[in-house]
Structure formats: structure tokens, C-alpha cells
C-alpha atoms as a PDB file:
ATOM      1  CA  ALA A   1     -21.610  42.793  24.354  1.00  0.00           C
ATOM      2  CA  LYS A   2     -21.000  43.493  20.522  1.00  0.00           C
ATOM      3  CA  VAL A   3     -22.603  46.925  21.282  1.00  0.00           C
ATOM      4  CA  PHE A   4     -20.820  48.437  23.636  1.00  0.00           C
ATOM      5  CA  LEU A   5     -17.487  47.002  21.555  1.00  0.00           C
ATOM      6  CA  LEU A   6     -18.463  48.506  18.698  1.00  0.00           C
ATOM      7  CA  ALA A   7     -19.231  52.209  20.092  1.00  0.00           C
ATOM      8  CA  THR A   8     -16.075  51.801  21.943  1.00  0.00           C
ATOM      9  CA  LEU A   9     -14.350  51.031  18.275  1.00  0.00           C
ATOM     10  CA  VAL A  10     -15.974  53.893  16.801  1.00  0.00           C
ATOM     11  CA  ALA A  11     -15.245  56.264  19.731  1.00  0.00           C
ATOM     12  CA  VAL A  12     -11.166  55.366  19.388  1.00  0.00           C
ATOM     13  CA  ALA A  13     -11.438  55.715  15.682  1.00  0.00           C
ATOM     14  CA  SER A  14     -12.935  59.228  15.105  1.00  0.00           C
ATOM     15  CA  ALA A  15     -11.684  60.281  18.896  1.00  0.00           C
ATOM     16  CA  SER A  16     -14.025  63.256  18.151  1.00  0.00           C
ATOM     17  CA  PRO A  17     -15.333  64.002  21.493  1.00  0.00           C
ATOM     18  CA  MET A  18     -12.142  62.602  23.577  1.00  0.00           C
ATOM     19  CA  ALA A  19      -9.810  65.851  24.423  1.00  0.00           C
ATOM     20  CA  LEU A  20      -6.920  63.868  24.222  1.00  0.00           C
ATOM     21  CA  ASP A  21      -3.482  65.930  25.589  1.00  0.00           C
ATOM     22  CA  SER A  22      -1.691  66.541  22.319  1.00  0.00           C
ATOM     23  CA  THR A  23       1.553  65.907  24.518  1.00  0.00           C
ATOM     24  CA  ALA A  24       0.812  62.631  24.619  1.00  0.00           C
ATOM     25  CA  VAL A  25       3.860  60.808  23.445  1.00  0.00           C
ATOM     26  CA  ASN A  26       2.616  57.294  22.326  1.00  0.00           C
ATOM     27  CA  TYR A  27      -0.364  54.894  21.748  1.00  0.00           C
ATOM     28  CA  GLY A  28       0.039  54.111  25.626  1.00  0.00           C
ATOM     29  CA  ASP A  29      -0.269  57.510  27.152  1.00  0.00           C
ATOM     30  CA  ALA A  30      -3.185  58.296  24.458  1.00  0.00           C
ATOM     31  CA  ILE A  31      -5.216  54.892  25.294  1.00  0.00           C
ATOM     32  CA  THR A  32      -4.858  56.057  28.974  1.00  0.00           C
ATOM     33  CA  GLN A  33      -6.276  59.596  28.059  1.00  0.00           C
ATOM     34  CA  PHE A  34      -8.880  58.317  26.283  1.00  0.00           C
ATOM     35  CA  LEU A  35     -10.005  55.760  28.593  1.00  0.00           C
ATOM     36  CA  GLN A  36     -10.909  58.159  31.236  1.00  0.00           C
ATOM     37  CA  ALA A  37     -12.731  60.415  28.736  1.00  0.00           C
ATOM     38  CA  TRP A  38     -14.878  57.278  27.352  1.00  0.00           C
ATOM     39  CA  LYS A  39     -15.891  56.462  31.474  1.00  0.00           C
ATOM     40  CA  GLN A  40     -17.161  60.249  31.067  1.00  0.00           C
ATOM     41  CA  MET A  41     -19.215  59.927  28.069  1.00  0.00           C
ATOM     42  CA  LEU A  42     -20.844  56.381  28.659  1.00  0.00           C
ATOM     43  CA  PRO A  43     -23.466  58.543  30.790  1.00  0.00           C
ATOM     44  CA  CYS A  44     -24.450  60.815  27.926  1.00  0.00           C
ATOM     45  CA  GLY A  45     -23.261  58.936  24.931  1.00  0.00           C
ATOM     46  CA  TYR A  46     -21.914  61.591  21.363  1.00  0.00           C
ATOM     47  CA  ALA A  47     -24.753  62.136  18.873  1.00  0.00           C
ATOM     48  CA  PRO A  48     -22.568  63.394  16.414  1.00  0.00           C
ATOM     49  CA  ASP A  49     -20.995  59.971  15.542  1.00  0.00           C
ATOM     50  CA  SER A  50     -24.338  58.013  16.682  1.00  0.00           C
ATOM     51  CA  ILE A  51     -22.763  56.620  20.140  1.00  0.00           C
ATOM     52  CA  PRO A  52     -25.838  56.116  22.560  1.00  0.00           C
ATOM     53  CA  VAL A  53     -25.802  56.499  26.001  1.00  0.00           C
ATOM     54  CA  LEU A  54     -24.129  53.706  27.144  1.00  0.00           C
ATOM     55  CA  ALA A  55     -24.755  54.230  31.197  1.00  0.00           C
ATOM     56  CA  PRO A  56     -27.310  52.982  31.645  1.00  0.00           C
ATOM     57  CA  LEU A  57     -27.432  50.374  28.798  1.00  0.00           C
ATOM     58  CA  THR A  58     -31.061  49.957  27.983  1.00  0.00           C
ATOM     59  CA  ASN A  59     -33.454  47.482  25.288  1.00  0.00           C
ATOM     60  CA  GLU A  60     -36.905  48.195  25.526  1.00  0.00           C
ATOM     61  CA  PHE A  61     -38.025  44.983  23.697  1.00  0.00           C
ATOM     62  CA  ALA A  62     -36.636  42.393  22.034  1.00  0.00           C
ATOM     63  CA  ALA A  63     -38.149  39.018  20.516  1.00  0.00           C
ATOM     64  CA  PHE A  64     -35.834  35.701  20.298  1.00  0.00           C
ATOM     65  CA  ASN A  65     -36.688  32.092  19.156  1.00  0.00           C
ATOM     66  CA  TYR A  66     -34.494  29.264  19.032  1.00  0.00           C
ATOM     67  CA  SER A  67     -35.015  25.515  17.310  1.00  0.00           C
ATOM     68  CA  LYS A  68     -32.520  23.058  17.581  1.00  0.00           C
ATOM     69  CA  GLY A  69     -33.471  19.021  17.254  1.00  0.00           C
ATOM     70  CA  GLU A  70     -35.703  18.823  20.178  1.00  0.00           C
ATOM     71  CA  THR A  71     -35.278  21.828  22.001  1.00  0.00           C
ATOM     72  CA  SER A  72     -37.199  24.354  20.536  1.00  0.00           C
ATOM     73  CA  PHE A  73     -38.297  27.891  22.114  1.00  0.00           C
ATOM     74  CA  VAL A  74     -39.724  31.426  21.579  1.00  0.00           C
ATOM     75  CA  GLY A  75     -39.571  34.222  24.097  1.00  0.00           C
ATOM     76  CA  ASN A  76     -38.820  38.157  24.717  1.00  0.00           C
ATOM     77  CA  SER A  77     -37.100  40.601  27.328  1.00  0.00           C
ATOM     78  CA  SER A  78     -38.279  44.078  27.851  1.00  0.00           C
ATOM     79  CA  ASN A  79     -37.180  46.919  29.843  1.00  0.00           C
ATOM     80  CA  ILE A  80     -33.710  45.692  30.166  1.00  0.00           C
ATOM     81  CA  ARG A  81     -31.449  48.056  32.062  1.00  0.00           C
ATOM     82  CA  ILE A  82     -27.679  46.969  32.542  1.00  0.00           C
ATOM     83  CA  SER A  83     -25.616  49.900  35.326  1.00  0.00           C
ATOM     84  CA  GLY A  84     -22.274  49.930  36.196  1.00  0.00           C
ATOM     85  CA  LEU A  85     -20.339  50.026  33.044  1.00  0.00           C
ATOM     86  CA  GLU A  86     -19.163  53.522  33.478  1.00  0.00           C
ATOM     87  CA  ASN A  87     -17.350  52.848  36.738  1.00  0.00           C
ATOM     88  CA  PHE A  88     -14.359  50.456  35.622  1.00  0.00           C
ATOM     89  CA  ILE A  89     -11.532  50.762  37.200  1.00  0.00           C
ATOM     90  CA  ILE A  90      -7.985  50.784  35.183  1.00  0.00           C
ATOM     91  CA  VAL A  91      -5.570  48.845  37.433  1.00  0.00           C
ATOM     92  CA  SER A  92      -3.037  48.797  35.222  1.00  0.00           C
ATOM     93  CA  GLY A  93      -2.046  49.203  31.601  1.00  0.00           C
ATOM     94  CA  SER A  94       1.024  49.174  29.575  1.00  0.00           C
ATOM     95  CA  PHE A  95       2.118  49.739  25.924  1.00  0.00           C
ATOM     96  CA  ASP A  96       5.949  48.901  25.118  1.00  0.00           C
ATOM     97  CA  ALA A  97       6.729  51.126  21.771  1.00  0.00           C
ATOM     98  CA  SER A  98       9.390  48.684  20.382  1.00  0.00           C
ATOM     99  CA  THR A  99       7.172  45.763  20.117  1.00  0.00           C
ATOM    100  CA  GLN A 100       4.369  47.397  20.378  1.00  0.00           C
ATOM    101  CA  LYS A 101       2.752  45.065  22.547  1.00  0.00           C
ATOM    102  CA  ALA A 102      -0.311  46.856  24.897  1.00  0.00           C
ATOM    103  CA  LYS A 103      -0.993  45.252  28.373  1.00  0.00           C
ATOM    104  CA  PHE A 104      -4.340  45.627  30.045  1.00  0.00           C
ATOM    105  CA  ASP A 105      -5.918  45.127  33.431  1.00  0.00           C
ATOM    106  CA  ILE A 106      -9.419  46.396  33.948  1.00  0.00           C
ATOM    107  CA  LEU A 107     -12.167  45.594  36.924  1.00  0.00           C
ATOM    108  CA  PHE A 108     -15.510  46.483  37.056  1.00  0.00           C
ATOM    109  CA  PRO A 109     -16.759  46.586  40.583  1.00  0.00           C
ATOM    110  CA  GLU A 110     -20.592  45.288  39.930  1.00  0.00           C
ATOM    111  CA  ILE A 111     -22.546  45.308  36.919  1.00  0.00           C
ATOM    112  CA  GLN A 112     -26.215  44.964  37.298  1.00  0.00           C
ATOM    113  CA  ILE A 113     -28.893  43.385  34.900  1.00  0.00           C
ATOM    114  CA  LEU A 114     -32.361  44.607  35.682  1.00  0.00           C
ATOM    115  CA  GLY A 115     -35.576  43.511  33.355  1.00  0.00           C
ATOM    116  CA  SER A 116     -37.891  41.073  32.441  1.00  0.00           C
ATOM    117  CA  PHE A 117     -38.283  38.008  30.272  1.00  0.00           C
ATOM    118  CA  ALA A 118     -40.863  35.483  28.690  1.00  0.00           C
ATOM    119  CA  ILE A 119     -40.154  32.104  27.329  1.00  0.00           C
ATOM    120  CA  GLU A 120     -42.190  29.026  26.602  1.00  0.00           C
ATOM    121  CA  GLY A 121     -41.081  25.614  24.465  1.00  0.00           C
ATOM    122  CA  VAL A 122     -39.647  22.319  25.040  1.00  0.00           C
ATOM    123  CA  MET A 123     -35.834  22.082  26.085  1.00  0.00           C
ATOM    124  CA  SER A 124     -34.223  18.165  25.880  1.00  0.00           C
ATOM    125  CA  MET A 125     -31.751  17.639  28.124  1.00  0.00           C
ATOM    126  CA  LEU A 126     -29.592  14.673  28.804  1.00  0.00           C
ATOM    127  CA  GLY A 127     -32.421  12.468  26.749  1.00  0.00           C
ATOM    128  CA  PHE A 128     -35.233  14.100  28.562  1.00  0.00           C
ATOM    129  CA  VAL A 129     -38.185  16.690  27.037  1.00  0.00           C
ATOM    130  CA  PHE A 130     -39.436  19.017  28.871  1.00  0.00           C
ATOM    131  CA  PRO A 131     -42.114  21.724  28.517  1.00  0.00           C
ATOM    132  CA  VAL A 132     -40.578  25.423  29.665  1.00  0.00           C
ATOM    133  CA  HIS A 133     -42.724  27.842  30.629  1.00  0.00           C
ATOM    134  CA  GLU A 134     -41.344  31.293  32.199  1.00  0.00           C
ATOM    135  CA  THR A 135     -42.335  34.887  33.339  1.00  0.00           C
ATOM    136  CA  SER A 136     -39.705  36.425  35.731  1.00  0.00           C
ATOM    137  CA  LEU A 137     -38.459  39.648  36.766  1.00  0.00           C
ATOM    138  CA  ILE A 138     -34.679  39.951  36.124  1.00  0.00           C
ATOM    139  CA  ASN A 139     -32.056  41.067  39.023  1.00  0.00           C
ATOM    140  CA  GLU A 140     -28.723  39.770  38.527  1.00  0.00           C
ATOM    141  CA  ARG A 141     -25.053  41.778  39.896  1.00  0.00           C
ATOM    142  CA  PHE A 142     -21.908  40.470  38.642  1.00  0.00           C
ATOM    143  CA  GLN A 143     -19.442  41.172  40.830  1.00  0.00           C
ATOM    144  CA  GLN A 144     -15.600  41.992  40.226  1.00  0.00           C
ATOM    145  CA  LEU A 145     -15.699  41.296  36.742  1.00  0.00           C
ATOM    146  CA  ARG A 146     -12.078  41.929  35.926  1.00  0.00           C
ATOM    147  CA  PHE A 147     -10.213  41.568  32.563  1.00  0.00           C
ATOM    148  CA  VAL A 148      -6.731  40.572  31.980  1.00  0.00           C
ATOM    149  CA  GLY A 149      -4.929  41.086  28.601  1.00  0.00           C
ATOM    150  CA  GLU A 150      -2.362  42.021  25.915  1.00  0.00           C
ATOM    151  CA  TYR A 151      -2.067  42.459  22.568  1.00  0.00           C
ATOM    152  CA  THR A 152       0.017  43.461  19.490  1.00  0.00           C
ATOM    153  CA  PHE A 153       0.097  45.475  16.854  1.00  0.00           C
ATOM    154  CA  GLY A 154       1.161  44.466  13.059  1.00  0.00           C
ATOM    155  CA  GLN A 155       0.448  45.165   9.571  1.00  0.00           C
ATOM    156  CA  SER A 156      -2.872  45.045   8.018  1.00  0.00           C
ATOM    157  CA  LEU A 157      -3.641  42.039   5.551  1.00  0.00           C
ATOM    158  CA  ILE A 158      -5.795  44.106   3.422  1.00  0.00           C
ATOM    159  CA  ASN A 159      -4.111  47.630   3.939  1.00  0.00           C
ATOM    160  CA  PRO A 160      -0.333  47.725   3.893  1.00  0.00           C
ATOM    161  CA  SER A 161      -0.547  51.592   5.689  1.00  0.00           C
ATOM    162  CA  GLY A 162      -3.317  50.132   8.065  1.00  0.00           C
ATOM    163  CA  LEU A 163      -2.597  48.053  11.046  1.00  0.00           C
ATOM    164  CA  ARG A 164      -4.527  44.798  12.802  1.00  0.00           C
ATOM    165  CA  ILE A 165      -4.119  42.863  16.092  1.00  0.00           C
ATOM    166  CA  SER A 166      -1.517  40.358  15.354  1.00  0.00           C
ATOM    167  CA  ASP A 167      -1.514  38.714  18.501  1.00  0.00           C
ATOM    168  CA  TYR A 168      -3.890  38.419  21.421  1.00  0.00           C
ATOM    169  CA  HIS A 169      -4.583  36.799  24.881  1.00  0.00           C
ATOM    170  CA  LEU A 170      -7.405  37.490  27.485  1.00  0.00           C
ATOM    171  CA  GLN A 171      -8.935  36.180  30.589  1.00  0.00           C
ATOM    172  CA  PHE A 172     -11.256  37.493  32.605  1.00  0.00           C
ATOM    173  CA  TYR A 173     -12.353  36.874  36.164  1.00  0.00           C
ATOM    174  CA  LEU A 174     -15.678  36.894  37.785  1.00  0.00           C
ATOM    175  CA  ALA A 175     -15.495  36.923  41.695  1.00  0.00           C
ATOM    176  CA  ASP A 176     -19.184  36.574  42.351  1.00  0.00           C
ATOM    177  CA  VAL A 177     -22.668  36.818  40.508  1.00  0.00           C
ATOM    178  CA  LYS A 178     -26.060  37.335  43.114  1.00  0.00           C
ATOM    179  CA  ILE A 179     -29.420  36.168  41.005  1.00  0.00           C
ATOM    180  CA  ASP A 180     -32.336  37.414  42.478  1.00  0.00           C
ATOM    181  CA  ASN A 181     -34.826  36.722  39.766  1.00  0.00           C
ATOM    182  CA  TRP A 182     -38.685  35.897  40.834  1.00  0.00           C
ATOM    183  CA  ASP A 183     -40.925  33.743  38.188  1.00  0.00           C
ATOM    184  CA  SER A 184     -44.140  34.616  38.962  1.00  0.00           C
ATOM    185  CA  LEU A 185     -45.474  31.001  38.097  1.00  0.00           C
ATOM    186  CA  TRP A 186     -43.292  29.535  40.661  1.00  0.00           C
ATOM    187  CA  GLY A 187     -42.779  29.439  44.373  1.00  0.00           C
ATOM    188  CA  ILE A 188     -40.519  31.012  47.233  1.00  0.00           C
ATOM    189  CA  SER A 189     -38.715  28.051  47.396  1.00  0.00           C
ATOM    190  CA  LEU A 190     -38.339  27.084  43.399  1.00  0.00           C
ATOM    191  CA  ASN A 191     -37.282  30.492  42.615  1.00  0.00           C
ATOM    192  CA  ASP A 192     -34.476  30.426  45.540  1.00  0.00           C
ATOM    193  CA  TYR A 193     -32.934  26.997  44.225  1.00  0.00           C
ATOM    194  CA  SER A 194     -33.211  28.075  40.763  1.00  0.00           C
ATOM    195  CA  ASN A 195     -31.222  31.400  41.540  1.00  0.00           C
ATOM    196  CA  SER A 196     -28.690  29.521  43.453  1.00  0.00           C
ATOM    197  CA  TRP A 197     -28.208  26.495  40.817  1.00  0.00           C
ATOM    198  CA  ALA A 198     -28.208  29.724  38.215  1.00  0.00           C
ATOM    199  CA  SER A 199     -25.261  31.531  40.187  1.00  0.00           C
ATOM    200  CA  GLN A 200     -23.277  28.375  40.148  1.00  0.00           C
ATOM    201  CA  ILE A 201     -23.320  27.434  36.792  1.00  0.00           C
ATOM    202  CA  ILE A 202     -22.524  30.960  35.826  1.00  0.00           C
ATOM    203  CA  ASN A 203     -19.340  30.747  37.998  1.00  0.00           C
ATOM    204  CA  LEU A 204     -18.828  27.566  37.084  1.00  0.00           C
ATOM    205  CA  ALA A 205     -18.963  28.474  33.204  1.00  0.00           C
ATOM    206  CA  THR A 206     -16.607  31.290  33.482  1.00  0.00           C
ATOM    207  CA  LYS A 207     -13.673  29.004  34.902  1.00  0.00           C
ATOM    208  CA  LEU A 208     -14.508  25.945  32.084  1.00  0.00           C
ATOM    209  CA  VAL A 209     -14.435  28.750  29.164  1.00  0.00           C
ATOM    210  CA  GLN A 210     -10.898  30.594  29.850  1.00  0.00           C
ATOM    211  CA  PRO A 211      -8.783  27.978  27.287  1.00  0.00           C
ATOM    212  CA  ASN A 212     -11.524  28.696  24.558  1.00  0.00           C
ATOM    213  CA  VAL A 213     -11.790  32.616  25.098  1.00  0.00           C
ATOM    214  CA  ASP A 214      -9.050  33.700  22.756  1.00  0.00           C
ATOM    215  CA  LEU A 215     -10.486  31.225  19.833  1.00  0.00           C
ATOM    216  CA  LEU A 216     -14.086  32.623  20.985  1.00  0.00           C
ATOM    217  CA  LEU A 217     -12.158  36.445  20.578  1.00  0.00           C
ATOM    218  CA  SER A 218     -10.621  35.287  16.990  1.00  0.00           C
ATOM    219  CA  ILE A 219     -14.383  34.426  15.453  1.00  0.00           C
ATOM    220  CA  ASP A 220     -16.309  36.843  17.056  1.00  0.00           C
ATOM    221  CA  VAL A 221     -14.453  39.480  17.905  1.00  0.00           C
ATOM    222  CA  ILE A 222     -10.735  40.035  16.472  1.00  0.00           C
ATOM    223  CA  PRO A 223     -12.182  40.496  12.541  1.00  0.00           C
ATOM    224  CA  ILE A 224     -14.557  43.273  13.177  1.00  0.00           C
ATOM    225  CA  ILE A 225     -11.475  44.609  15.240  1.00  0.00           C
ATOM    226  CA  ASN A 226      -9.017  44.375  12.230  1.00  0.00           C
ATOM    227  CA  ASP A 227     -11.659  45.640   9.902  1.00  0.00           C
ATOM    228  CA  VAL A 228     -11.682  48.869  11.614  1.00  0.00           C
ATOM    229  CA  LEU A 229      -8.070  48.996  12.406  1.00  0.00           C
ATOM    230  CA  SER A 230      -6.954  48.502   8.747  1.00  0.00           C
ATOM    231  CA  ALA A 231      -8.181  52.071   8.074  1.00  0.00           C
ATOM    232  CA  PHE A 232      -5.986  53.537  10.204  1.00  0.00           C
ATOM    233  CA  SER A 233      -1.876  53.991  11.587  1.00  0.00           C
ATOM    234  CA  LEU A 234      -0.503  53.958  14.843  1.00  0.00           C
ATOM    235  CA  GLU A 235       0.056  57.560  14.956  1.00  0.00           C
ATOM    236  CA  GLN A 236      -3.399  58.173  13.408  1.00  0.00           C
ATOM    237  CA  LEU A 237      -4.859  56.148  16.763  1.00  0.00           C
END
């Protein structure tokens, strides 16, 4: 997610591959043109600004490890392929020049994740410690993923001539998630049960996290965006 976000920010900041219409009268018009051009750029990237191909988004190999309390595991993922990022639909969008507030509603009909992963270790849950050993193929489809939000531009706190996002609100919705992963160490019934359980957990987590989305953005996303925006005025965007 952060790779996708940072690539977007680089493209917005430089606007090099985006042949924006010089007749665009405000930021709202320009961002609409940008999103349409961005959709076309996703499958090929833009080498001059080091923007990689993002449709599909791929990662050949990544190792990871985690340790906290009695939970500890190591693992890796390989041949990850995320498709569908270029198929987003702009449901609606607007920009009020007087208040500098932008609103957006963007829908991804389906995002699919393919690949494989292996993990080994121990996990602690509800007072019980049990071993974890999985070698799985990944096939996950996130359907009707929708982002609805708004943000307001303000004066940068580190550069008086620059911008920052001073106010924002985001919610996202997931109609369904289809998980068809396959662990080679398990039988059919256990794989089916695990996939069903994981789908329910993701759907539930999506609903439960909504009250905290803005807080999470303030920690992980907004500071990155504001650092980039501090070098630009609204006219430069």
C-alpha cells in the first residue's frame, strides 16, 4: 500500500508523464485528468521518475520475522502478483476552491493477490501456545473495494508557501473477500475451513477498523503526504 501511495505522490509532484490540459481551471479539473492519465500509466510505469510498473504489482521474494511475547515466527513470500489496481472507477469527485476541500469516491471492482508463502514458529492466542507451520499458495480476491473520503488543504507548517492536508476523513468498504488459498500440508476440509474463517475475519476487521481509520492515517500516511506537499503550492499541483 505504501509503495502505491509513494509512487502516486511522486507522480503528482512531478506530473512528468501526465499531459494535463492547460485549460484546466482548478485543482479539481487537474486531479481528474491526472487520475485518468495515472490509470493509463499503471501498466507501464514511468522510468524517468523511477515509478515502477504497478499493474500488476509484483514482488519476487520477501522474508519476514516477528517476535512478541510467546509469539515468534519467521517466513517468506514469493512470486506475489497483485492485479486490478488499474481498473478503478471514479464514482464521484469534487473540489471547492473557496474552502479548498476535495471529496472523492473511488471503487476498485476487484483486486486479486496471487503468490505463495511459508511460515514457521509458535503463536500465542487466548493463553494457549501452539506451533505454526504453513506452506501455502495464495489466491485472494477483494471485491468492490471502495474508498470514500474528503480532505482540506491548509498552509504547510514547515514552509509558509507550501501546502499540507489540514483536515481529512476516510472510510473504506469491502463487499466481499474470496480466499482460495491452498496449504500443501493440509487436507481439503482443513483448507476450506481456514479459507472460510479468514474471509470472515477480514470482513469483520474491515468493519471494526472504520472508527480508527483517520487515526491510522495520521500516524502512517498523512505525515508522508505533508512532507511532499510542503514543497508545492496549489497552483503548482
